[in-house]
Structures are given as C-alpha cells and as structure tokens.
Amino acid sequence: MKKSVVLVCGVLFTACSGMGNLKTRAAFDMKCDEGQLKFTEVGDASYGVEGCGQRQVYVCKGPERASMCSDWVLNSVEQKADK
C-alpha cells in the first residue's frame, strides 16, 4: 500500500510540474500575475494563455506531453485579448 501511495504522489507531482513551468514562463513573458492567467489546451503539447489583456500560445519544446513538459516556448505574436 505504501508503495502505491508514493507512486501516485510522484506521478501527480510530475504531472503538475509541466503546468507549473508554463505558468511561471507565461507570467514572466506577459508581465502578469499567475493568478490572472487563464489556460486553454489547444493541442497535446500546446496551450493558449490569456491574461492582463493579452493572448499567447505556448508549445512544449521536446517530445513530452504538456503535463510533463519542462521547457515551454512562446509560439505566437503578441495579441490583445478580445473583450
């Protein structure tokens, strides 16, 4: 039982780390607090991010799926969000 709990915790932490990296990167690029960002999955390894009047698209650099990605790259020209 203890092994399965440790395994589940490890898997959950890994799954969350990819999105944590994206939140940090997007907040920095957009000069926007992480709490003000809204994320929309637009592919297996890409997310649209909206916040502070801006819209961006990020893709995972590498073969990982979004939940395990450690390196996100901005893949769009700066856009103002529709109001």
C-alpha atoms as a PDB file:
ATOM      1  CA  MET A   1       0.000   0.000   0.000  1.00  0.00           C
ATOM      2  CA  LYS A   2       2.795   2.457   0.864  1.00  0.00           C
ATOM      3  CA  LYS A   3       4.489   1.888  -2.492  1.00  0.00           C
ATOM      4  CA  SER A   4       1.311   2.712  -4.417  1.00  0.00           C
ATOM      5  CA  VAL A   5       0.796   5.928  -2.415  1.00  0.00           C
ATOM      6  CA  VAL A   6       4.375   7.019  -3.101  1.00  0.00           C
ATOM      7  CA  LEU A   7       3.980   6.172  -6.793  1.00  0.00           C
ATOM      8  CA  VAL A   8       0.711   8.117  -7.080  1.00  0.00           C
ATOM      9  CA  CYS A   9       2.234  11.140  -5.338  1.00  0.00           C
ATOM     10  CA  GLY A  10       5.247  11.002  -7.633  1.00  0.00           C
ATOM     11  CA  VAL A  11       3.073  10.795 -10.741  1.00  0.00           C
ATOM     12  CA  LEU A  12       0.866  13.678  -9.593  1.00  0.00           C
ATOM     13  CA  PHE A  13       3.864  15.863  -8.819  1.00  0.00           C
ATOM     14  CA  THR A  14       5.359  15.161 -12.245  1.00  0.00           C
ATOM     15  CA  ALA A  15       2.065  15.902 -13.970  1.00  0.00           C
ATOM     16  CA  CYS A  16       1.753  19.225 -12.186  1.00  0.00           C
ATOM     17  CA  SER A  17       5.333  20.317 -12.801  1.00  0.00           C
ATOM     18  CA  GLY A  18       4.824  20.901 -16.535  1.00  0.00           C
ATOM     19  CA  MET A  19       1.951  23.289 -15.986  1.00  0.00           C
ATOM     20  CA  GLY A  20       3.851  24.999 -13.179  1.00  0.00           C
ATOM     21  CA  ASN A  21       6.676  25.736 -15.602  1.00  0.00           C
ATOM     22  CA  LEU A  22       4.186  27.118 -18.127  1.00  0.00           C
ATOM     23  CA  LYS A  23       2.506  29.342 -15.535  1.00  0.00           C
ATOM     24  CA  THR A  24       5.848  30.771 -14.444  1.00  0.00           C
ATOM     25  CA  ARG A  25       7.007  31.357 -18.033  1.00  0.00           C
ATOM     26  CA  ALA A  26       3.743  32.946 -19.192  1.00  0.00           C
ATOM     27  CA  ALA A  27       3.537  35.217 -16.125  1.00  0.00           C
ATOM     28  CA  PHE A  28       7.074  36.440 -16.811  1.00  0.00           C
ATOM     29  CA  ASP A  29       6.582  36.952 -20.568  1.00  0.00           C
ATOM     30  CA  MET A  30       3.230  38.683 -20.159  1.00  0.00           C
ATOM     31  CA  LYS A  31       4.210  40.673 -17.064  1.00  0.00           C
ATOM     32  CA  CYS A  32       1.071  39.312 -15.427  1.00  0.00           C
ATOM     33  CA  ASP A  33       0.384  37.624 -12.081  1.00  0.00           C
ATOM     34  CA  GLU A  34      -0.070  33.830 -12.392  1.00  0.00           C
ATOM     35  CA  GLY A  35      -3.454  34.111 -10.696  1.00  0.00           C
ATOM     36  CA  GLN A  36      -4.740  36.310 -13.535  1.00  0.00           C
ATOM     37  CA  LEU A  37      -3.840  33.820 -16.273  1.00  0.00           C
ATOM     38  CA  LYS A  38      -6.359  31.508 -17.950  1.00  0.00           C
ATOM     39  CA  PHE A  39      -5.048  28.394 -19.728  1.00  0.00           C
ATOM     40  CA  THR A  40      -6.780  26.593 -22.590  1.00  0.00           C
ATOM     41  CA  GLU A  41      -5.404  23.374 -24.052  1.00  0.00           C
ATOM     42  CA  VAL A  42      -5.180  23.732 -27.841  1.00  0.00           C
ATOM     43  CA  GLY A  43      -3.249  20.515 -28.592  1.00  0.00           C
ATOM     44  CA  ASP A  44      -1.340  17.660 -26.967  1.00  0.00           C
ATOM     45  CA  ALA A  45       1.568  19.930 -26.126  1.00  0.00           C
ATOM     46  CA  SER A  46       0.264  23.452 -26.626  1.00  0.00           C
ATOM     47  CA  TYR A  47      -1.737  25.902 -24.541  1.00  0.00           C
ATOM     48  CA  GLY A  48      -3.371  29.245 -25.156  1.00  0.00           C
ATOM     49  CA  VAL A  49      -2.816  31.691 -22.304  1.00  0.00           C
ATOM     50  CA  GLU A  50      -4.936  34.791 -21.641  1.00  0.00           C
ATOM     51  CA  GLY A  51      -4.401  37.440 -19.012  1.00  0.00           C
ATOM     52  CA  CYS A  52      -3.802  41.150 -18.432  1.00  0.00           C
ATOM     53  CA  GLY A  53      -5.398  41.966 -21.792  1.00  0.00           C
ATOM     54  CA  GLN A  54      -3.086  39.654 -23.761  1.00  0.00           C
ATOM     55  CA  ARG A  55      -3.323  36.290 -25.570  1.00  0.00           C
ATOM     56  CA  GLN A  56      -0.372  33.998 -26.283  1.00  0.00           C
ATOM     57  CA  VAL A  57       0.202  30.418 -27.429  1.00  0.00           C
ATOM     58  CA  TYR A  58       2.933  28.237 -25.904  1.00  0.00           C
ATOM     59  CA  VAL A  59       4.199  24.883 -27.158  1.00  0.00           C
ATOM     60  CA  CYS A  60       6.289  22.299 -25.385  1.00  0.00           C
ATOM     61  CA  LYS A  61       9.835  22.186 -26.722  1.00  0.00           C
ATOM     62  CA  GLY A  62      10.566  18.482 -26.881  1.00  0.00           C
ATOM     63  CA  PRO A  63       8.711  15.191 -27.139  1.00  0.00           C
ATOM     64  CA  GLU A  64       6.916  15.462 -23.792  1.00  0.00           C
ATOM     65  CA  ARG A  65       3.195  15.902 -23.362  1.00  0.00           C
ATOM     66  CA  ALA A  66       2.090  19.151 -21.749  1.00  0.00           C
ATOM     67  CA  SER A  67       1.652  17.651 -18.294  1.00  0.00           C
ATOM     68  CA  MET A  68       5.324  16.626 -18.164  1.00  0.00           C
ATOM     69  CA  CYS A  69       6.920  19.429 -20.186  1.00  0.00           C
ATOM     70  CA  SER A  70       9.852  21.271 -18.668  1.00  0.00           C
ATOM     71  CA  ASP A  71      10.560  23.752 -21.471  1.00  0.00           C
ATOM     72  CA  TRP A  72       7.792  25.936 -22.942  1.00  0.00           C
ATOM     73  CA  VAL A  73       8.301  28.220 -25.949  1.00  0.00           C
ATOM     74  CA  LEU A  74       6.183  31.210 -26.963  1.00  0.00           C
ATOM     75  CA  ASN A  75       4.688  30.376 -30.368  1.00  0.00           C
ATOM     76  CA  SER A  76       2.663  33.443 -31.257  1.00  0.00           C
ATOM     77  CA  VAL A  77       2.869  37.137 -31.931  1.00  0.00           C
ATOM     78  CA  GLU A  78       1.642  39.287 -29.046  1.00  0.00           C
ATOM     79  CA  GLN A  79      -2.108  39.761 -29.295  1.00  0.00           C
ATOM     80  CA  LYS A  80      -4.560  41.821 -27.348  1.00  0.00           C
ATOM     81  CA  ALA A  81      -7.343  39.689 -25.876  1.00  0.00           C
ATOM     82  CA  ASP A  82     -10.874  40.190 -27.175  1.00  0.00           C
ATOM     83  CA  LYS A  83     -13.101  41.923 -24.676  1.00  0.00           C
END
